[in-house]
C-alpha atoms as a PDB file:
ATOM      1  CA  MET A   1     -49.501  18.932 -47.954  1.00  0.00           C
ATOM      2  CA  THR A   2     -50.491  22.129 -46.222  1.00  0.00           C
ATOM      3  CA  HIS A   3     -48.051  24.728 -45.047  1.00  0.00           C
ATOM      4  CA  ALA A   4     -49.167  24.211 -41.436  1.00  0.00           C
ATOM      5  CA  PHE A   5     -48.540  20.452 -41.674  1.00  0.00           C
ATOM      6  CA  ARG A   6     -45.096  20.953 -43.202  1.00  0.00           C
ATOM      7  CA  SER A   7     -44.200  23.423 -40.416  1.00  0.00           C
ATOM      8  CA  ALA A   8     -45.351  21.014 -37.700  1.00  0.00           C
ATOM      9  CA  ARG A   9     -43.360  18.164 -39.229  1.00  0.00           C
ATOM     10  CA  THR A  10     -40.286  20.378 -39.464  1.00  0.00           C
ATOM     11  CA  ARG A  11     -40.631  21.327 -35.818  1.00  0.00           C
ATOM     12  CA  ALA A  12     -41.027  17.682 -34.849  1.00  0.00           C
ATOM     13  CA  PHE A  13     -37.873  16.693 -36.745  1.00  0.00           C
ATOM     14  CA  THR A  14     -36.016  19.616 -35.160  1.00  0.00           C
ATOM     15  CA  ILE A  15     -37.004  18.488 -31.657  1.00  0.00           C
ATOM     16  CA  ILE A  16     -35.964  14.898 -32.440  1.00  0.00           C
ATOM     17  CA  GLU A  17     -32.633  16.073 -33.822  1.00  0.00           C
ATOM     18  CA  MET A  18     -32.038  18.175 -30.715  1.00  0.00           C
ATOM     19  CA  MET A  19     -32.818  15.192 -28.505  1.00  0.00           C
ATOM     20  CA  VAL A  20     -30.383  13.040 -30.460  1.00  0.00           C
ATOM     21  CA  VAL A  21     -27.705  15.707 -30.108  1.00  0.00           C
ATOM     22  CA  VAL A  22     -28.331  15.917 -26.349  1.00  0.00           C
ATOM     23  CA  VAL A  23     -28.068  12.126 -26.004  1.00  0.00           C
ATOM     24  CA  ILE A  24     -24.837  12.034 -28.016  1.00  0.00           C
ATOM     25  CA  LEU A  25     -23.353  14.860 -25.977  1.00  0.00           C
ATOM     26  CA  SER A  26     -24.314  13.105 -22.736  1.00  0.00           C
ATOM     27  CA  ILE A  27     -22.596   9.928 -23.895  1.00  0.00           C
ATOM     28  CA  LEU A  28     -19.468  11.827 -24.941  1.00  0.00           C
ATOM     29  CA  ILE A  29     -19.334  13.683 -21.621  1.00  0.00           C
ATOM     30  CA  SER A  30     -19.730  10.425 -19.705  1.00  0.00           C
ATOM     31  CA  LEU A  31     -16.921   8.824 -21.678  1.00  0.00           C
ATOM     32  CA  ALA A  32     -14.724  11.876 -21.111  1.00  0.00           C
ATOM     33  CA  VAL A  33     -15.365  11.791 -17.359  1.00  0.00           C
ATOM     34  CA  VAL A  34     -14.585   8.066 -17.189  1.00  0.00           C
ATOM     35  CA  GLY A  35     -11.426   8.642 -19.192  1.00  0.00           C
ATOM     36  CA  LEU A  36     -10.420  11.531 -16.932  1.00  0.00           C
ATOM     37  CA  PHE A  37     -10.861   9.463 -13.772  1.00  0.00           C
ATOM     38  CA  GLY A  38      -9.038   6.564 -15.401  1.00  0.00           C
ATOM     39  CA  ALA A  39      -6.111   8.767 -16.393  1.00  0.00           C
ATOM     40  CA  ARG A  40      -5.997  10.299 -12.904  1.00  0.00           C
ATOM     41  CA  GLY A  41      -6.034   6.865 -11.278  1.00  0.00           C
ATOM     42  CA  SER A  42      -3.277   5.660 -13.578  1.00  0.00           C
ATOM     43  CA  ALA A  43      -1.116   8.690 -12.803  1.00  0.00           C
ATOM     44  CA  LEU A  44      -1.569   8.264  -9.036  1.00  0.00           C
ATOM     45  CA  GLN A  45      -0.825   4.548  -9.277  1.00  0.00           C
ATOM     46  CA  THR A  46       2.411   5.496 -11.033  1.00  0.00           C
ATOM     47  CA  LYS A  47       3.117   7.897  -8.160  1.00  0.00           C
ATOM     48  CA  SER A  48       2.485   5.117  -5.648  1.00  0.00           C
ATOM     49  CA  LEU A  49       4.909   2.876  -7.528  1.00  0.00           C
ATOM     50  CA  SER A  50       7.494   5.668  -7.368  1.00  0.00           C
ATOM     51  CA  ASN A  51       6.926   5.925  -3.610  1.00  0.00           C
ATOM     52  CA  ILE A  52       7.352   2.217  -3.062  1.00  0.00           C
ATOM     53  CA  ARG A  53      10.525   2.116  -5.159  1.00  0.00           C
ATOM     54  CA  GLY A  54      11.875   4.847  -2.904  1.00  0.00           C
ATOM     55  CA  ILE A  55      11.075   2.658   0.101  1.00  0.00           C
ATOM     56  CA  GLY A  56      13.031  -0.091  -1.618  1.00  0.00           C
ATOM     57  CA  GLN A  57      16.072   2.185  -1.740  1.00  0.00           C
ATOM     58  CA  THR A  58      15.595   3.015   1.950  1.00  0.00           C
ATOM     59  CA  LEU A  59      15.455  -0.670   2.830  1.00  0.00           C
ATOM     60  CA  GLU A  60      18.595  -1.320   0.811  1.00  0.00           C
ATOM     61  CA  MET A  61      20.369   1.280   2.965  1.00  0.00           C
ATOM     62  CA  TYR A  62      18.923  -0.291   6.117  1.00  0.00           C
ATOM     63  CA  VAL A  63      20.076  -3.767   5.095  1.00  0.00           C
ATOM     64  CA  GLY A  64      23.483  -2.366   4.152  1.00  0.00           C
ATOM     65  CA  MET A  65      23.771  -0.901   7.658  1.00  0.00           C
ATOM     66  CA  TYR A  66      22.338  -3.762   9.735  1.00  0.00           C
ATOM     67  CA  ARG A  67      22.674  -6.822   7.413  1.00  0.00           C
ATOM     68  CA  PHE A  68      19.031  -7.748   8.025  1.00  0.00           C
ATOM     69  CA  TYR A  69      15.610  -6.546   6.959  1.00  0.00           C
ATOM     70  CA  PRO A  70      13.847  -4.347   9.543  1.00  0.00           C
ATOM     71  CA  PHE A  71      13.272  -6.154  12.803  1.00  0.00           C
ATOM     72  CA  ALA A  72      12.798  -5.318  16.475  1.00  0.00           C
ATOM     73  CA  PRO A  73      11.853  -7.753  19.264  1.00  0.00           C
ATOM     74  CA  ASP A  74       8.424  -7.525  20.819  1.00  0.00           C
ATOM     75  CA  GLY A  75       8.180  -4.488  23.105  1.00  0.00           C
ATOM     76  CA  THR A  76      11.314  -2.693  21.882  1.00  0.00           C
ATOM     77  CA  PRO A  77      11.072   1.037  22.800  1.00  0.00           C
ATOM     78  CA  MET A  78      11.225   3.202  19.666  1.00  0.00           C
ATOM     79  CA  TYR A  79      10.386   6.771  18.706  1.00  0.00           C
ATOM     80  CA  ALA A  80       6.883   7.010  17.218  1.00  0.00           C
ATOM     81  CA  MET A  81       7.673  10.437  15.725  1.00  0.00           C
ATOM     82  CA  PRO A  82      10.852  12.350  14.850  1.00  0.00           C
ATOM     83  CA  PRO A  83      13.139  12.315  17.913  1.00  0.00           C
ATOM     84  CA  ASP A  84      13.463  16.110  17.774  1.00  0.00           C
ATOM     85  CA  GLU A  85       9.702  16.640  18.182  1.00  0.00           C
ATOM     86  CA  PRO A  86       8.902  18.526  21.431  1.00  0.00           C
ATOM     87  CA  ASN A  87       6.796  15.660  22.804  1.00  0.00           C
ATOM     88  CA  ALA A  88       8.771  12.789  21.297  1.00  0.00           C
ATOM     89  CA  GLN A  89       9.189   9.753  23.502  1.00  0.00           C
ATOM     90  CA  LYS A  90       9.897   6.102  22.945  1.00  0.00           C
ATOM     91  CA  ILE A  91       7.096   3.559  23.036  1.00  0.00           C
ATOM     92  CA  GLY A  92       7.006  -0.193  22.678  1.00  0.00           C
ATOM     93  CA  PHE A  93       4.692  -2.141  20.400  1.00  0.00           C
ATOM     94  CA  SER A  94       3.292  -5.627  20.824  1.00  0.00           C
ATOM     95  CA  PRO A  95       2.869  -8.147  19.289  1.00  0.00           C
ATOM     96  CA  VAL A  96       5.853  -8.170  16.958  1.00  0.00           C
ATOM     97  CA  TRP A  97       3.579  -8.594  13.919  1.00  0.00           C
ATOM     98  CA  LEU A  98       2.594  -4.930  14.291  1.00  0.00           C
ATOM     99  CA  LEU A  99       5.951  -4.122  12.746  1.00  0.00           C
ATOM    100  CA  GLU A 100       4.037  -4.248   9.447  1.00  0.00           C
ATOM    101  CA  GLY A 101       2.939  -0.667  10.137  1.00  0.00           C
ATOM    102  CA  THR A 102       5.486   0.502  12.709  1.00  0.00           C
ATOM    103  CA  TRP A 103       8.551  -0.139  10.533  1.00  0.00           C
ATOM    104  CA  PRO A 104       9.156   3.652  10.121  1.00  0.00           C
ATOM    105  CA  MET A 105      10.164   3.706  13.807  1.00  0.00           C
ATOM    106  CA  LEU A 106      13.296   1.812  12.776  1.00  0.00           C
ATOM    107  CA  MET A 107      14.170   4.286  10.025  1.00  0.00           C
ATOM    108  CA  HIS A 108      15.111   7.454  11.930  1.00  0.00           C
ATOM    109  CA  ALA A 109      18.847   6.926  11.384  1.00  0.00           C
ATOM    110  CA  VAL A 110      18.446   5.812   7.766  1.00  0.00           C
ATOM    111  CA  SER A 111      15.631   8.014   6.430  1.00  0.00           C
ATOM    112  CA  PRO A 112      14.669  11.020   8.590  1.00  0.00           C
ATOM    113  CA  TRP A 113      10.904  11.299   8.772  1.00  0.00           C
ATOM    114  CA  ARG A 114      10.595  14.973   7.878  1.00  0.00           C
ATOM    115  CA  GLU A 115      12.124  14.306   4.489  1.00  0.00           C
ATOM    116  CA  HIS A 116      10.810  10.843   3.706  1.00  0.00           C
ATOM    117  CA  TYR A 117       7.483  10.265   5.493  1.00  0.00           C
ATOM    118  CA  PRO A 118       5.333  11.990   2.824  1.00  0.00           C
ATOM    119  CA  THR A 119       6.467   9.314   0.354  1.00  0.00           C
ATOM    120  CA  TRP A 120       5.425   6.591   2.792  1.00  0.00           C
ATOM    121  CA  LEU A 121       1.797   7.586   2.218  1.00  0.00           C
ATOM    122  CA  SER A 122      -0.241   6.524  -0.772  1.00  0.00           C
ATOM    123  CA  PRO A 123      -1.271   9.388  -3.090  1.00  0.00           C
ATOM    124  CA  SER A 124      -4.489  11.130  -1.920  1.00  0.00           C
ATOM    125  CA  VAL A 125      -4.031  10.135   1.741  1.00  0.00           C
ATOM    126  CA  ASN A 126      -4.874  13.244   3.747  1.00  0.00           C
ATOM    127  CA  ARG A 127      -2.454  14.049   6.575  1.00  0.00           C
ATOM    128  CA  PRO A 128      -1.495  17.361   8.255  1.00  0.00           C
ATOM    129  CA  PRO A 129       1.025  19.337   6.151  1.00  0.00           C
ATOM    130  CA  GLY A 130       4.455  19.249   7.743  1.00  0.00           C
ATOM    131  CA  ARG A 131       3.515  16.428  10.143  1.00  0.00           C
ATOM    132  CA  PRO A 132       2.251  13.555   7.970  1.00  0.00           C
ATOM    133  CA  TRP A 133       3.006  11.011  10.714  1.00  0.00           C
ATOM    134  CA  VAL A 134      -0.080  12.175  12.661  1.00  0.00           C
ATOM    135  CA  ARG A 135      -3.761  12.081  11.785  1.00  0.00           C
ATOM    136  CA  ASP A 136      -4.923  14.963  13.983  1.00  0.00           C
ATOM    137  CA  PRO A 137      -2.506  17.861  14.667  1.00  0.00           C
ATOM    138  CA  SER A 138      -4.564  18.887  17.720  1.00  0.00           C
ATOM    139  CA  VAL A 139      -3.485  15.680  19.503  1.00  0.00           C
ATOM    140  CA  ILE A 140      -0.215  16.298  21.359  1.00  0.00           C
ATOM    141  CA  MET A 141       1.101  12.795  20.729  1.00  0.00           C
ATOM    142  CA  ASP A 142      -0.708  10.869  18.009  1.00  0.00           C
ATOM    143  CA  THR A 143       0.906   7.453  17.644  1.00  0.00           C
ATOM    144  CA  GLY A 144      -2.016   5.840  15.845  1.00  0.00           C
ATOM    145  CA  ALA A 145      -1.169   7.040  12.341  1.00  0.00           C
ATOM    146  CA  LEU A 146       0.451   4.436  10.110  1.00  0.00           C
ATOM    147  CA  PRO A 147       2.132   4.557   6.700  1.00  0.00           C
ATOM    148  CA  SER A 148       0.249   3.333   3.646  1.00  0.00           C
ATOM    149  CA  TYR A 149       2.901   0.802   2.734  1.00  0.00           C
ATOM    150  CA  ARG A 150       2.933  -2.299   4.888  1.00  0.00           C
ATOM    151  CA  TYR A 151       5.921  -4.506   5.609  1.00  0.00           C
ATOM    152  CA  SER A 152       5.321  -8.212   5.051  1.00  0.00           C
ATOM    153  CA  ASN A 153       5.264 -10.292   8.238  1.00  0.00           C
ATOM    154  CA  SER A 154       7.114 -12.980   6.276  1.00  0.00           C
ATOM    155  CA  PHE A 155      10.362 -11.073   6.910  1.00  0.00           C
ATOM    156  CA  ILE A 156      10.188 -11.150  10.707  1.00  0.00           C
ATOM    157  CA  ALA A 157       9.974 -14.914  11.273  1.00  0.00           C
ATOM    158  CA  ARG A 158      11.359 -18.151   9.920  1.00  0.00           C
ATOM    159  CA  PRO A 159       9.608 -19.954   7.031  1.00  0.00           C
ATOM    160  CA  SER A 160       8.476 -22.737   9.397  1.00  0.00           C
ATOM    161  CA  VAL A 161       5.884 -20.335  10.826  1.00  0.00           C
ATOM    162  CA  TRP A 162       3.963 -20.718   7.560  1.00  0.00           C
ATOM    163  CA  SER A 163       4.637 -24.408   7.000  1.00  0.00           C
ATOM    164  CA  THR A 164       2.833 -27.530   8.192  1.00  0.00           C
ATOM    165  CA  SER A 165       5.902 -29.748   7.804  1.00  0.00           C
ATOM    166  CA  ALA A 166       7.997 -28.343  10.662  1.00  0.00           C
ATOM    167  CA  GLU A 167       7.641 -27.572  14.350  1.00  0.00           C
ATOM    168  CA  THR A 168       7.054 -23.933  15.250  1.00  0.00           C
ATOM    169  CA  GLN A 169       7.926 -22.059  18.428  1.00  0.00           C
ATOM    170  CA  SER A 170       8.211 -18.466  19.592  1.00  0.00           C
ATOM    171  CA  SER A 171      11.980 -18.490  18.963  1.00  0.00           C
ATOM    172  CA  ASP A 172      11.192 -18.709  15.245  1.00  0.00           C
ATOM    173  CA  VAL A 173      10.454 -14.981  15.334  1.00  0.00           C
ATOM    174  CA  GLY A 174      13.562 -13.061  14.308  1.00  0.00           C
ATOM    175  CA  PRO A 175      15.314 -11.058  11.588  1.00  0.00           C
ATOM    176  CA  THR A 176      15.672 -12.181   7.984  1.00  0.00           C
ATOM    177  CA  SER A 177      18.661 -11.522   5.732  1.00  0.00           C
ATOM    178  CA  PRO A 178      18.536 -11.145   1.928  1.00  0.00           C
ATOM    179  CA  ALA A 179      20.270 -14.524   1.618  1.00  0.00           C
ATOM    180  CA  ASP A 180      17.260 -16.163   3.313  1.00  0.00           C
ATOM    181  CA  VAL A 181      14.860 -15.144   0.526  1.00  0.00           C
ATOM    182  CA  ALA A 182      14.473 -17.921  -2.037  1.00  0.00           C
ATOM    183  CA  THR A 183      12.931 -15.949  -4.927  1.00  0.00           C
ATOM    184  CA  PRO A 184      13.492 -12.216  -4.298  1.00  0.00           C
ATOM    185  CA  SER A 185      11.807 -11.113  -7.517  1.00  0.00           C
ATOM    186  CA  LEU A 186       8.582 -12.914  -6.560  1.00  0.00           C
ATOM    187  CA  LYS A 187       8.339 -12.347  -2.796  1.00  0.00           C
ATOM    188  CA  ALA A 188       6.429  -9.233  -1.724  1.00  0.00           C
ATOM    189  CA  LEU A 189       8.343  -7.092   0.777  1.00  0.00           C
ATOM    190  CA  MET A 190       6.012  -4.064   0.914  1.00  0.00           C
ATOM    191  CA  PHE A 191       2.602  -3.273  -0.542  1.00  0.00           C
ATOM    192  CA  ASP A 192       0.216  -0.313  -0.719  1.00  0.00           C
ATOM    193  CA  THR A 193      -2.697  -1.059   1.612  1.00  0.00           C
ATOM    194  CA  ASP A 194      -4.477   2.310   1.280  1.00  0.00           C
ATOM    195  CA  ARG A 195      -4.607   3.004  -2.472  1.00  0.00           C
ATOM    196  CA  ALA A 196      -6.593   6.099  -1.488  1.00  0.00           C
ATOM    197  CA  TYR A 197      -6.601   7.263  -5.092  1.00  0.00           C
ATOM    198  CA  LEU A 198      -9.042   4.510  -6.097  1.00  0.00           C
ATOM    199  CA  ARG A 199     -12.791   4.948  -6.316  1.00  0.00           C
ATOM    200  CA  GLY A 200     -15.052   2.600  -4.378  1.00  0.00           C
ATOM    201  CA  LYS A 201     -15.675   0.113  -7.193  1.00  0.00           C
ATOM    202  CA  GLU A 202     -12.002  -0.363  -8.137  1.00  0.00           C
ATOM    203  CA  ALA A 203     -10.961  -2.788  -5.406  1.00  0.00           C
ATOM    204  CA  ALA A 204      -9.778  -5.252  -8.046  1.00  0.00           C
ATOM    205  CA  ALA A 205      -7.368  -2.712  -9.557  1.00  0.00           C
ATOM    206  CA  PRO A 206      -3.645  -3.608  -9.518  1.00  0.00           C
ATOM    207  CA  ARG A 207      -1.858  -2.956  -6.225  1.00  0.00           C
ATOM    208  CA  PRO A 208       1.647  -1.434  -6.081  1.00  0.00           C
ATOM    209  CA  VAL A 209       3.963  -4.096  -4.653  1.00  0.00           C
ATOM    210  CA  LEU A 210       7.664  -3.925  -3.735  1.00  0.00           C
ATOM    211  CA  PHE A 211       9.574  -7.171  -4.092  1.00  0.00           C
ATOM    212  CA  ALA A 212      12.614  -8.331  -2.121  1.00  0.00           C
ATOM    213  CA  ASP A 213      14.922  -7.623  -5.076  1.00  0.00           C
ATOM    214  CA  SER A 214      13.825  -3.931  -4.876  1.00  0.00           C
ATOM    215  CA  SER A 215      11.779  -4.137  -8.071  1.00  0.00           C
ATOM    216  CA  ALA A 216       8.215  -2.824  -7.994  1.00  0.00           C
ATOM    217  CA  ALA A 217       5.108  -3.535 -10.052  1.00  0.00           C
ATOM    218  CA  ALA A 218       1.352  -3.086  -9.949  1.00  0.00           C
ATOM    219  CA  ARG A 219      -0.097  -6.566  -9.493  1.00  0.00           C
ATOM    220  CA  ARG A 220      -3.620  -7.860  -8.987  1.00  0.00           C
ATOM    221  CA  ASP A 221      -4.366  -9.495  -5.647  1.00  0.00           C
ATOM    222  CA  SER A 222      -6.327 -12.189  -7.462  1.00  0.00           C
ATOM    223  CA  ASP A 223      -3.096 -13.330  -9.141  1.00  0.00           C
ATOM    224  CA  ALA A 224      -1.202 -13.632  -5.855  1.00  0.00           C
ATOM    225  CA  THR A 225      -0.566 -16.852  -3.943  1.00  0.00           C
ATOM    226  CA  THR A 226      -3.308 -17.811  -1.498  1.00  0.00           C
ATOM    227  CA  PRO A 227      -2.094 -17.077   2.060  1.00  0.00           C
ATOM    228  CA  VAL A 228      -1.861 -19.707   4.800  1.00  0.00           C
ATOM    229  CA  GLN A 229      -2.206 -19.581   8.573  1.00  0.00           C
ATOM    230  CA  ASN A 230       0.523 -17.955  10.644  1.00  0.00           C
ATOM    231  CA  ARG A 231       1.014 -20.666  13.249  1.00  0.00           C
ATOM    232  CA  LEU A 232       2.110 -18.241  15.950  1.00  0.00           C
ATOM    233  CA  HIS A 233      -1.089 -16.211  16.039  1.00  0.00           C
ATOM    234  CA  GLY A 234      -4.743 -16.873  15.398  1.00  0.00           C
ATOM    235  CA  ASN A 235      -5.505 -14.027  12.999  1.00  0.00           C
ATOM    236  CA  ALA A 236      -6.970 -14.893   9.636  1.00  0.00           C
ATOM    237  CA  PRO A 237      -4.352 -15.315   6.860  1.00  0.00           C
ATOM    238  CA  VAL A 238      -3.530 -12.124   4.943  1.00  0.00           C
ATOM    239  CA  ARG A 239      -2.206 -11.999   1.396  1.00  0.00           C
ATOM    240  CA  TYR A 240       1.474 -10.957   1.118  1.00  0.00           C
ATOM    241  CA  HIS A 241       1.923 -11.340   4.887  1.00  0.00           C
ATOM    242  CA  ASP A 242       1.184 -15.032   5.222  1.00  0.00           C
ATOM    243  CA  THR A 243       2.886 -16.426   2.167  1.00  0.00           C
ATOM    244  CA  PRO A 244       3.217 -20.240   2.208  1.00  0.00           C
ATOM    245  CA  ASN A 245       6.710 -21.048   3.558  1.00  0.00           C
ATOM    246  CA  GLY A 246       7.380 -17.359   4.302  1.00  0.00           C
ATOM    247  CA  VAL A 247      10.477 -15.995   2.575  1.00  0.00           C
ATOM    248  CA  HIS A 248      11.112 -19.426   1.101  1.00  0.00           C
ATOM    249  CA  GLY A 249       7.831 -19.064  -0.777  1.00  0.00           C
ATOM    250  CA  ARG A 250       6.642 -16.724  -3.509  1.00  0.00           C
ATOM    251  CA  ASP A 251       3.672 -14.423  -3.928  1.00  0.00           C
ATOM    252  CA  PHE A 252       3.430 -14.663  -7.721  1.00  0.00           C
END
């Protein structure tokens, strides 16, 4: 074997070895990046669970004060921002089902917005610092911003609204007390709709859910009870809102 041939073969092996090293490094970097994103997502999910547990404590105070879960009749005027804001004024909302996102308007006396509103947003939701209840600080009165955590419609109407075995009428809309809930540890009270910390392909990831007994857990939507039609409106059924038999039913 000539010296030139041995040198060429050595160079060839060196190039192959370098390519193998590059491939291995690429794989390791990819795994590290995936692990980093996974760890970040897990940490932010934990933060969301902490937020929703805090909401549970707020609702316990609300129920202790009013004896019912949050409720306001259709069209009730309420402050859509802290009452001490320069442009604060009361507005009404309709239909009553919109209380799913307007529930903070009932919390001014229980949980002042300036202190608590940041925890009513899912981690990674981008809102103006100091005024997280608005989307655009240049708008004098922005009432279109909603919290990340939605209040189940099941708690603002009687179970018959989600049953086929009883008559339903508009008077079935009304407040619910803790005693009305059949299985508090299995009935969703609040849930994180935004989950802004997730990447696009993680829609099936567990969702932070607050239950009526104030416990919280990350649960997969696919494991939840299939929703049924709300007989008082024509919107398509929504999981956690339209639980069969309302608060007499269970979501898991």
